Amino acid sequence: MSEVVRLTLVSHGMTDAMAAGRFPTDEPLNALGRGQVADARGGVKAADRVYCGPEARAIQTADLLGMRAEIEPKLADLDHGRWRGEVLGRVQPAELAIWLTDPTQAPHGGERIVELIARVRTWMESLTSEHVRVVAATHPAVIRAAMLVVLDAPPKSFWRIDIAPASATVLHFRGHAWTLRS
């Protein structure tokens, strides 16, 4: 019997872009976000390996958790293309509707939801024989994608999952399949 892989995905805390309803750039956590991550620190267990996305907010989250993280490009946030930094209300409603209903489309010229899911699936598969306890500081979009992988849910379910800032989602791999713990 193979060992259980425990993967804890920690969502970064609040940023000014999130608070303003803007698509993210590479902004750091704001004061509220730093406090959220500090409050969450006690709930994240020790790990054999720690990873984080390459953006400032993911790196800062790992640092505030007191963990030395290896930057993993596959944990990068969803690429919002030309919408990067834009206020949600300024996006063309027709383009936004396409993006929110068809995970194979990227009217912003960035990454499609199905591409994000495939990227996250590849990263998760790389963990199944490597480590016992893994923590990753990343983004709500990456965590949604991981949950869809675990549940074998359709990509159109992506927007039906809410990930709170500085929350932890725990997944286990037991030799043949991932399960969602919390």
C-alpha atoms as a PDB file:
ATOM      1  CA  MET A   1       0.000   0.000   0.000  1.00  0.00           C
ATOM      2  CA  SER A   2       1.418   3.373  -0.969  1.00  0.00           C
ATOM      3  CA  GLU A   3       1.590   6.287   1.427  1.00  0.00           C
ATOM      4  CA  VAL A   4      -1.062   8.969   1.574  1.00  0.00           C
ATOM      5  CA  VAL A   5      -0.135  12.279  -0.031  1.00  0.00           C
ATOM      6  CA  ARG A   6      -1.665  15.163   1.898  1.00  0.00           C
ATOM      7  CA  LEU A   7      -1.938  18.341  -0.193  1.00  0.00           C
ATOM      8  CA  THR A   8      -3.019  21.530   1.545  1.00  0.00           C
ATOM      9  CA  LEU A   9      -3.833  24.366  -0.841  1.00  0.00           C
ATOM     10  CA  VAL A  10      -3.840  27.762   0.867  1.00  0.00           C
ATOM     11  CA  SER A  11      -5.517  30.633  -0.916  1.00  0.00           C
ATOM     12  CA  HIS A  12      -3.701  33.953  -0.714  1.00  0.00           C
ATOM     13  CA  GLY A  13      -5.241  36.716   1.370  1.00  0.00           C
ATOM     14  CA  MET A  14      -7.084  39.823   0.215  1.00  0.00           C
ATOM     15  CA  THR A  15      -5.443  42.241  -2.237  1.00  0.00           C
ATOM     16  CA  ASP A  16      -6.427  45.751  -3.288  1.00  0.00           C
ATOM     17  CA  ALA A  17      -7.486  44.373  -6.689  1.00  0.00           C
ATOM     18  CA  MET A  18      -9.870  41.895  -5.036  1.00  0.00           C
ATOM     19  CA  ALA A  19     -11.336  44.616  -2.813  1.00  0.00           C
ATOM     20  CA  ALA A  20     -11.871  46.903  -5.831  1.00  0.00           C
ATOM     21  CA  GLY A  21     -13.349  44.207  -8.088  1.00  0.00           C
ATOM     22  CA  ARG A  22     -10.409  44.341 -10.512  1.00  0.00           C
ATOM     23  CA  PHE A  23      -8.803  41.490 -12.390  1.00  0.00           C
ATOM     24  CA  PRO A  24      -5.449  40.791 -10.724  1.00  0.00           C
ATOM     25  CA  THR A  25      -2.003  41.871 -11.814  1.00  0.00           C
ATOM     26  CA  ASP A  26       1.010  40.953  -9.675  1.00  0.00           C
ATOM     27  CA  GLU A  27      -0.092  42.871  -6.604  1.00  0.00           C
ATOM     28  CA  PRO A  28       0.912  42.080  -3.018  1.00  0.00           C
ATOM     29  CA  LEU A  29      -1.456  41.353  -0.156  1.00  0.00           C
ATOM     30  CA  ASN A  30      -3.046  44.393   1.436  1.00  0.00           C
ATOM     31  CA  ALA A  31      -3.182  44.941   5.224  1.00  0.00           C
ATOM     32  CA  LEU A  32      -6.397  42.921   5.540  1.00  0.00           C
ATOM     33  CA  GLY A  33      -4.878  40.076   3.503  1.00  0.00           C
ATOM     34  CA  ARG A  34      -1.739  40.009   5.635  1.00  0.00           C
ATOM     35  CA  GLY A  35      -3.928  39.756   8.732  1.00  0.00           C
ATOM     36  CA  GLN A  36      -6.041  36.973   7.193  1.00  0.00           C
ATOM     37  CA  VAL A  37      -2.966  34.896   6.420  1.00  0.00           C
ATOM     38  CA  ALA A  38      -1.476  35.530   9.868  1.00  0.00           C
ATOM     39  CA  ASP A  39      -4.751  34.346  11.433  1.00  0.00           C
ATOM     40  CA  ALA A  40      -4.729  31.203   9.253  1.00  0.00           C
ATOM     41  CA  ARG A  41      -1.147  30.298  10.124  1.00  0.00           C
ATOM     42  CA  GLY A  42      -2.043  27.993  13.027  1.00  0.00           C
ATOM     43  CA  GLY A  43      -4.383  25.915  10.865  1.00  0.00           C
ATOM     44  CA  VAL A  44      -1.758  24.914   8.308  1.00  0.00           C
ATOM     45  CA  LYS A  45       0.174  21.801   9.292  1.00  0.00           C
ATOM     46  CA  ALA A  46       3.869  21.131   8.744  1.00  0.00           C
ATOM     47  CA  ALA A  47       4.934  19.927   5.321  1.00  0.00           C
ATOM     48  CA  ASP A  48       7.716  17.986   3.671  1.00  0.00           C
ATOM     49  CA  ARG A  49       7.566  20.311   0.649  1.00  0.00           C
ATOM     50  CA  VAL A  50       6.128  23.796   0.242  1.00  0.00           C
ATOM     51  CA  TYR A  51       5.307  25.439  -3.065  1.00  0.00           C
ATOM     52  CA  CYS A  52       3.800  28.741  -4.113  1.00  0.00           C
ATOM     53  CA  GLY A  53       2.708  30.469  -7.278  1.00  0.00           C
ATOM     54  CA  PRO A  54       5.128  33.000  -8.798  1.00  0.00           C
ATOM     55  CA  GLU A  55       3.026  36.090  -8.030  1.00  0.00           C
ATOM     56  CA  ALA A  56       3.837  38.433  -5.139  1.00  0.00           C
ATOM     57  CA  ARG A  57       0.616  37.612  -3.274  1.00  0.00           C
ATOM     58  CA  ALA A  58       1.333  33.855  -3.309  1.00  0.00           C
ATOM     59  CA  ILE A  59       4.967  34.291  -2.273  1.00  0.00           C
ATOM     60  CA  GLN A  60       3.941  36.666   0.504  1.00  0.00           C
ATOM     61  CA  THR A  61       1.288  34.187   1.713  1.00  0.00           C
ATOM     62  CA  ALA A  62       3.874  31.406   2.030  1.00  0.00           C
ATOM     63  CA  ASP A  63       6.239  33.776   3.842  1.00  0.00           C
ATOM     64  CA  LEU A  64       3.525  34.866   6.286  1.00  0.00           C
ATOM     65  CA  LEU A  65       2.712  31.214   6.956  1.00  0.00           C
ATOM     66  CA  GLY A  66       6.339  30.866   8.044  1.00  0.00           C
ATOM     67  CA  MET A  67       7.167  28.479   5.222  1.00  0.00           C
ATOM     68  CA  ARG A  68      10.060  28.486   2.774  1.00  0.00           C
ATOM     69  CA  ALA A  69       8.366  27.869  -0.539  1.00  0.00           C
ATOM     70  CA  GLU A  70       9.675  26.743  -3.886  1.00  0.00           C
ATOM     71  CA  ILE A  71       8.120  28.781  -6.698  1.00  0.00           C
ATOM     72  CA  GLU A  72       6.079  26.507  -8.963  1.00  0.00           C
ATOM     73  CA  PRO A  73       4.964  28.062 -12.285  1.00  0.00           C
ATOM     74  CA  LYS A  74       2.060  25.594 -12.568  1.00  0.00           C
ATOM     75  CA  LEU A  75       0.543  27.258  -9.483  1.00  0.00           C
ATOM     76  CA  ALA A  76       0.341  30.641 -11.241  1.00  0.00           C
ATOM     77  CA  ASP A  77      -2.971  32.442 -11.261  1.00  0.00           C
ATOM     78  CA  LEU A  78      -5.283  32.237 -14.258  1.00  0.00           C
ATOM     79  CA  ASP A  79      -3.947  34.537 -16.999  1.00  0.00           C
ATOM     80  CA  HIS A  80      -6.634  37.178 -17.571  1.00  0.00           C
ATOM     81  CA  GLY A  81      -4.979  38.529 -20.719  1.00  0.00           C
ATOM     82  CA  ARG A  82      -6.008  42.048 -21.663  1.00  0.00           C
ATOM     83  CA  TRP A  83      -8.435  42.202 -18.700  1.00  0.00           C
ATOM     84  CA  ARG A  84      -5.476  42.236 -16.296  1.00  0.00           C
ATOM     85  CA  GLY A  85      -5.927  45.224 -13.952  1.00  0.00           C
ATOM     86  CA  GLU A  86      -9.356  46.092 -15.413  1.00  0.00           C
ATOM     87  CA  VAL A  87     -12.438  46.688 -13.262  1.00  0.00           C
ATOM     88  CA  LEU A  88     -14.985  43.916 -13.757  1.00  0.00           C
ATOM     89  CA  GLY A  89     -17.722  46.432 -14.644  1.00  0.00           C
ATOM     90  CA  ARG A  90     -15.712  47.739 -17.615  1.00  0.00           C
ATOM     91  CA  VAL A  91     -15.535  44.384 -19.385  1.00  0.00           C
ATOM     92  CA  GLN A  92     -17.905  43.966 -22.313  1.00  0.00           C
ATOM     93  CA  PRO A  93     -20.962  42.083 -20.943  1.00  0.00           C
ATOM     94  CA  ALA A  94     -21.064  39.742 -23.960  1.00  0.00           C
ATOM     95  CA  GLU A  95     -17.397  38.786 -23.501  1.00  0.00           C
ATOM     96  CA  LEU A  96     -17.872  38.277 -19.772  1.00  0.00           C
ATOM     97  CA  ALA A  97     -20.920  36.064 -20.401  1.00  0.00           C
ATOM     98  CA  ILE A  98     -18.915  33.881 -22.796  1.00  0.00           C
ATOM     99  CA  TRP A  99     -16.068  33.557 -20.309  1.00  0.00           C
ATOM    100  CA  LEU A 100     -18.358  32.664 -17.401  1.00  0.00           C
ATOM    101  CA  THR A 101     -20.368  30.063 -19.333  1.00  0.00           C
ATOM    102  CA  ASP A 102     -17.901  28.423 -21.734  1.00  0.00           C
ATOM    103  CA  PRO A 103     -14.662  27.158 -20.125  1.00  0.00           C
ATOM    104  CA  THR A 104     -13.163  26.560 -23.584  1.00  0.00           C
ATOM    105  CA  GLN A 105     -13.225  30.283 -24.433  1.00  0.00           C
ATOM    106  CA  ALA A 106     -10.906  33.128 -23.412  1.00  0.00           C
ATOM    107  CA  PRO A 107     -12.302  36.364 -24.871  1.00  0.00           C
ATOM    108  CA  HIS A 108      -9.656  38.276 -22.875  1.00  0.00           C
ATOM    109  CA  GLY A 109      -6.869  36.628 -24.873  1.00  0.00           C
ATOM    110  CA  GLY A 110      -5.457  34.901 -21.789  1.00  0.00           C
ATOM    111  CA  GLU A 111      -5.777  31.383 -20.475  1.00  0.00           C
ATOM    112  CA  ARG A 112      -8.898  29.275 -20.926  1.00  0.00           C
ATOM    113  CA  ILE A 113     -10.366  27.574 -17.841  1.00  0.00           C
ATOM    114  CA  VAL A 114      -9.805  24.148 -19.435  1.00  0.00           C
ATOM    115  CA  GLU A 115      -6.110  25.017 -19.871  1.00  0.00           C
ATOM    116  CA  LEU A 116      -5.849  26.011 -16.205  1.00  0.00           C
ATOM    117  CA  ILE A 117      -7.468  22.738 -15.142  1.00  0.00           C
ATOM    118  CA  ALA A 118      -5.058  20.735 -17.317  1.00  0.00           C
ATOM    119  CA  ARG A 119      -2.075  22.637 -15.882  1.00  0.00           C
ATOM    120  CA  VAL A 120      -3.184  22.000 -12.308  1.00  0.00           C
ATOM    121  CA  ARG A 121      -3.939  18.324 -13.053  1.00  0.00           C
ATOM    122  CA  THR A 122      -0.393  17.854 -14.402  1.00  0.00           C
ATOM    123  CA  TRP A 123       1.098  19.418 -11.278  1.00  0.00           C
ATOM    124  CA  MET A 124      -1.057  17.287  -8.970  1.00  0.00           C
ATOM    125  CA  GLU A 125      -0.037  14.126 -10.836  1.00  0.00           C
ATOM    126  CA  SER A 126       3.612  15.020 -10.235  1.00  0.00           C
ATOM    127  CA  LEU A 127       2.988  14.847  -6.476  1.00  0.00           C
ATOM    128  CA  THR A 128       1.475  11.382  -6.293  1.00  0.00           C
ATOM    129  CA  SER A 129       4.744   9.510  -5.849  1.00  0.00           C
ATOM    130  CA  GLU A 130       6.975  12.276  -4.578  1.00  0.00           C
ATOM    131  CA  HIS A 131       5.989  13.668  -1.194  1.00  0.00           C
ATOM    132  CA  VAL A 132       3.903  12.797   1.817  1.00  0.00           C
ATOM    133  CA  ARG A 133       2.865  16.261   3.061  1.00  0.00           C
ATOM    134  CA  VAL A 134       2.699  19.204   0.668  1.00  0.00           C
ATOM    135  CA  VAL A 135       1.516  22.775   1.239  1.00  0.00           C
ATOM    136  CA  ALA A 136       0.961  25.165  -1.667  1.00  0.00           C
ATOM    137  CA  ALA A 137       0.200  28.881  -1.354  1.00  0.00           C
ATOM    138  CA  THR A 138      -1.734  29.761  -4.465  1.00  0.00           C
ATOM    139  CA  HIS A 139      -4.842  31.388  -5.942  1.00  0.00           C
ATOM    140  CA  PRO A 140      -8.579  30.746  -5.737  1.00  0.00           C
ATOM    141  CA  ALA A 141      -8.649  29.831  -9.460  1.00  0.00           C
ATOM    142  CA  VAL A 142      -5.955  27.186  -8.973  1.00  0.00           C
ATOM    143  CA  ILE A 143      -7.786  25.736  -5.973  1.00  0.00           C
ATOM    144  CA  ARG A 144     -11.074  25.611  -7.932  1.00  0.00           C
ATOM    145  CA  ALA A 145      -9.267  23.781 -10.722  1.00  0.00           C
ATOM    146  CA  ALA A 146      -7.790  21.284  -8.233  1.00  0.00           C
ATOM    147  CA  MET A 147     -11.218  20.619  -6.771  1.00  0.00           C
ATOM    148  CA  LEU A 148     -12.622  19.916 -10.235  1.00  0.00           C
ATOM    149  CA  VAL A 149      -9.763  17.473 -10.853  1.00  0.00           C
ATOM    150  CA  VAL A 150     -10.430  15.658  -7.572  1.00  0.00           C
ATOM    151  CA  LEU A 151     -14.185  15.493  -8.091  1.00  0.00           C
ATOM    152  CA  ASP A 152     -13.891  14.696 -11.796  1.00  0.00           C
ATOM    153  CA  ALA A 153     -16.404  17.509 -12.261  1.00  0.00           C
ATOM    154  CA  PRO A 154     -17.035  19.224 -15.585  1.00  0.00           C
ATOM    155  CA  PRO A 155     -15.077  22.434 -16.294  1.00  0.00           C
ATOM    156  CA  LYS A 156     -18.340  24.404 -16.500  1.00  0.00           C
ATOM    157  CA  SER A 157     -18.591  23.911 -12.694  1.00  0.00           C
ATOM    158  CA  PHE A 158     -15.516  26.127 -12.165  1.00  0.00           C
ATOM    159  CA  TRP A 159     -17.467  29.272 -11.267  1.00  0.00           C
ATOM    160  CA  ARG A 160     -19.725  27.417  -8.795  1.00  0.00           C
ATOM    161  CA  ILE A 161     -16.945  27.075  -6.229  1.00  0.00           C
ATOM    162  CA  ASP A 162     -16.111  29.931  -3.872  1.00  0.00           C
ATOM    163  CA  ILE A 163     -12.672  29.991  -2.276  1.00  0.00           C
ATOM    164  CA  ALA A 164     -12.298  32.385   0.639  1.00  0.00           C
ATOM    165  CA  PRO A 165      -9.132  34.429   1.092  1.00  0.00           C
ATOM    166  CA  ALA A 166      -6.538  32.684   3.298  1.00  0.00           C
ATOM    167  CA  SER A 167      -8.588  29.476   3.395  1.00  0.00           C
ATOM    168  CA  ALA A 168      -7.080  25.999   3.336  1.00  0.00           C
ATOM    169  CA  THR A 169      -8.368  23.146   1.179  1.00  0.00           C
ATOM    170  CA  VAL A 170      -7.028  19.689   1.997  1.00  0.00           C
ATOM    171  CA  LEU A 171      -6.757  16.912  -0.581  1.00  0.00           C
ATOM    172  CA  HIS A 172      -5.467  13.359  -0.135  1.00  0.00           C
ATOM    173  CA  PHE A 173      -4.061  10.932  -2.684  1.00  0.00           C
ATOM    174  CA  ARG A 174      -4.314   7.297  -1.629  1.00  0.00           C
ATOM    175  CA  GLY A 175      -2.564   5.228  -4.262  1.00  0.00           C
ATOM    176  CA  HIS A 176      -5.141   5.550  -7.022  1.00  0.00           C
ATOM    177  CA  ALA A 177      -7.304   8.651  -6.581  1.00  0.00           C
ATOM    178  CA  TRP A 178      -7.491  12.064  -4.979  1.00  0.00           C
ATOM    179  CA  THR A 179     -10.140  12.837  -2.362  1.00  0.00           C
ATOM    180  CA  LEU A 180     -11.370  16.138  -0.991  1.00  0.00           C
ATOM    181  CA  ARG A 181     -10.906  16.309   2.767  1.00  0.00           C
ATOM    182  CA  SER A 182     -12.211  19.793   3.541  1.00  0.00           C
END
